[in-house]
Amino acid sequence: MARQNVSSGGSFEPVYGYCRAVRVGNQIHVSGTCARDPHLDGTDAYQQAKNILEIIEAALQEAGSSRAAVVRTVAYVTDINDKMLVAKAHSEVFGDVLPAGTLVEVSALVDPRMKVEIEAYAIEE
């Protein structure tokens, strides 16, 4: 099967050896995604989640897909008290799609300014 790698041009991609998304057949796997500057300094988890979901949607589009094909998301937050802020952003983007979803608290993300990381999985019909 053909493999399509989608790069977002993020500076950590070559360091860690990954790409933003991978499409193989009708499946698209989007890596854990965090907000980027200027969406890190002085922003809350809602604003970061909105930026993250924009990045994810752009990767899906480059892979020939869309948010409508998303079947699962996993959100990691550094403070579980931010769950409603992340849920609001997620619902605004995926409310009509209703993918399976998980939201968990983690002790830290790569950059201490990051409050949220989201990964997504899509299947094209």
Protein backbone atom coordinates (compact mmCIF):
# COMPACT_ATOMS: atom_id res chain seq x y z
CA MET A 1 0.00 0.00 0.00
CA ALA A 2 1.14 3.50 -0.75
CA ARG A 3 2.19 5.67 2.17
CA GLN A 4 1.77 9.44 2.28
CA ASN A 5 3.70 11.38 4.93
CA VAL A 6 2.42 14.87 5.74
CA SER A 7 4.88 17.28 7.33
CA SER A 8 3.79 20.40 9.14
CA GLY A 9 7.29 21.86 9.03
CA GLY A 10 7.50 21.87 12.81
CA SER A 11 11.01 22.18 14.20
CA PHE A 12 10.69 19.03 16.34
CA GLU A 13 9.80 16.76 13.41
CA PRO A 14 13.39 16.12 12.23
CA VAL A 15 14.68 15.99 15.82
CA TYR A 16 12.25 13.26 16.89
CA GLY A 17 11.96 11.65 13.44
CA TYR A 18 8.24 11.88 12.79
CA CYS A 19 5.73 13.68 10.59
CA ARG A 20 2.46 15.37 11.43
CA ALA A 21 0.31 12.75 9.73
CA VAL A 22 0.60 9.47 7.88
CA ARG A 23 -1.91 8.13 5.41
CA VAL A 24 -1.85 4.46 4.45
CA GLY A 25 -4.82 3.32 2.39
CA ASN A 26 -7.97 4.78 3.87
CA GLN A 27 -6.47 5.46 7.33
CA ILE A 28 -4.91 8.73 8.46
CA HIS A 29 -3.04 8.94 11.76
CA VAL A 30 -2.32 12.46 13.03
CA SER A 31 0.50 12.74 15.55
CA GLY A 32 0.05 14.34 18.92
CA THR A 33 -0.22 18.03 18.12
CA CYS A 34 0.40 21.04 20.35
CA ALA A 35 -0.26 24.74 19.83
CA ARG A 36 2.41 26.86 18.19
CA ASP A 37 3.63 30.38 18.80
CA PRO A 38 1.96 32.85 19.15
CA HIS A 39 -0.72 30.59 20.65
CA LEU A 40 1.40 29.55 23.62
CA ASP A 41 2.22 32.64 25.68
CA GLY A 42 -0.62 33.93 27.81
CA THR A 43 -3.25 31.66 26.26
CA ASP A 44 -5.63 29.28 27.92
CA ALA A 45 -6.32 25.65 27.08
CA TYR A 46 -9.31 26.62 24.89
CA GLN A 47 -7.20 28.88 22.66
CA GLN A 48 -4.46 26.27 22.45
CA ALA A 49 -6.94 23.52 21.60
CA LYS A 50 -8.47 25.66 18.84
CA ASN A 51 -5.01 26.20 17.31
CA ILE A 52 -4.22 22.50 17.62
CA LEU A 53 -7.43 21.50 15.88
CA GLU A 54 -6.66 23.95 13.04
CA ILE A 55 -3.26 22.28 12.60
CA ILE A 56 -4.87 18.83 12.65
CA GLU A 57 -7.50 19.87 10.11
CA ALA A 58 -4.80 21.25 7.79
CA ALA A 59 -2.89 17.94 8.01
CA LEU A 60 -6.06 15.99 7.27
CA GLN A 61 -6.76 18.17 4.24
CA GLU A 62 -3.23 17.69 2.94
CA ALA A 63 -3.77 13.94 3.29
CA GLY A 64 -6.96 14.24 1.23
CA SER A 65 -9.34 14.01 4.17
CA SER A 66 -11.30 16.20 6.57
CA ARG A 67 -12.57 16.38 10.13
CA ALA A 68 -15.69 14.49 8.99
CA ALA A 69 -13.57 11.32 8.66
CA VAL A 70 -12.16 11.50 12.20
CA VAL A 71 -13.16 8.44 14.22
CA ARG A 72 -11.07 8.97 17.37
CA THR A 73 -9.25 11.72 19.23
CA VAL A 74 -7.03 11.61 22.28
CA ALA A 75 -6.41 14.81 24.26
CA TYR A 76 -3.71 15.19 26.88
CA VAL A 77 -3.94 18.08 29.34
CA THR A 78 -1.42 19.15 31.97
CA ASP A 79 -4.25 20.26 34.27
CA ILE A 80 -7.46 18.23 34.37
CA ASN A 81 -9.26 21.40 35.47
CA ASP A 82 -8.88 22.54 31.84
CA LYS A 83 -11.11 19.70 30.65
CA MET A 84 -14.11 21.95 29.97
CA LEU A 85 -12.02 24.42 27.95
CA VAL A 86 -10.65 21.62 25.78
CA ALA A 87 -14.09 20.00 25.55
CA LYS A 88 -15.57 23.29 24.31
CA ALA A 89 -13.01 23.58 21.49
CA HIS A 90 -13.35 19.88 20.61
CA SER A 91 -17.13 20.09 20.52
CA GLU A 92 -17.05 23.19 18.29
CA VAL A 93 -14.93 21.33 15.75
CA PHE A 94 -16.24 17.76 16.05
CA GLY A 95 -19.71 18.25 17.53
CA ASP A 96 -21.53 16.91 14.47
CA VAL A 97 -18.92 14.19 13.81
CA LEU A 98 -18.85 12.75 17.34
CA PRO A 99 -15.61 10.75 17.18
CA ALA A 100 -14.68 8.40 19.99
CA GLY A 101 -12.64 10.49 22.40
CA THR A 102 -10.31 10.26 25.35
CA LEU A 103 -9.07 13.08 27.58
CA VAL A 104 -6.39 12.40 30.19
CA GLU A 105 -4.11 14.41 32.44
CA VAL A 106 -0.35 14.09 32.02
CA SER A 107 2.43 15.52 34.16
CA ALA A 108 4.07 17.56 31.40
CA LEU A 109 4.33 18.21 27.67
CA VAL A 110 7.43 19.05 25.60
CA ASP A 111 7.24 22.81 26.31
CA PRO A 112 6.06 24.01 29.74
CA ARG A 113 3.83 26.62 28.03
CA MET A 114 1.85 23.82 26.37
CA LYS A 115 -1.37 22.95 28.16
CA VAL A 116 -2.89 20.54 25.61
CA GLU A 117 -1.82 17.94 23.05
CA ILE A 118 -4.31 16.23 20.74
CA GLU A 119 -3.93 13.32 18.34
CA ALA A 120 -6.52 12.18 15.80
CA TYR A 121 -7.34 9.13 13.70
CA ALA A 122 -9.43 9.23 10.54
CA ILE A 123 -10.81 6.59 8.20
CA GLU A 124 -11.96 7.50 4.71
CA GLU A 125 -14.92 5.66 3.22
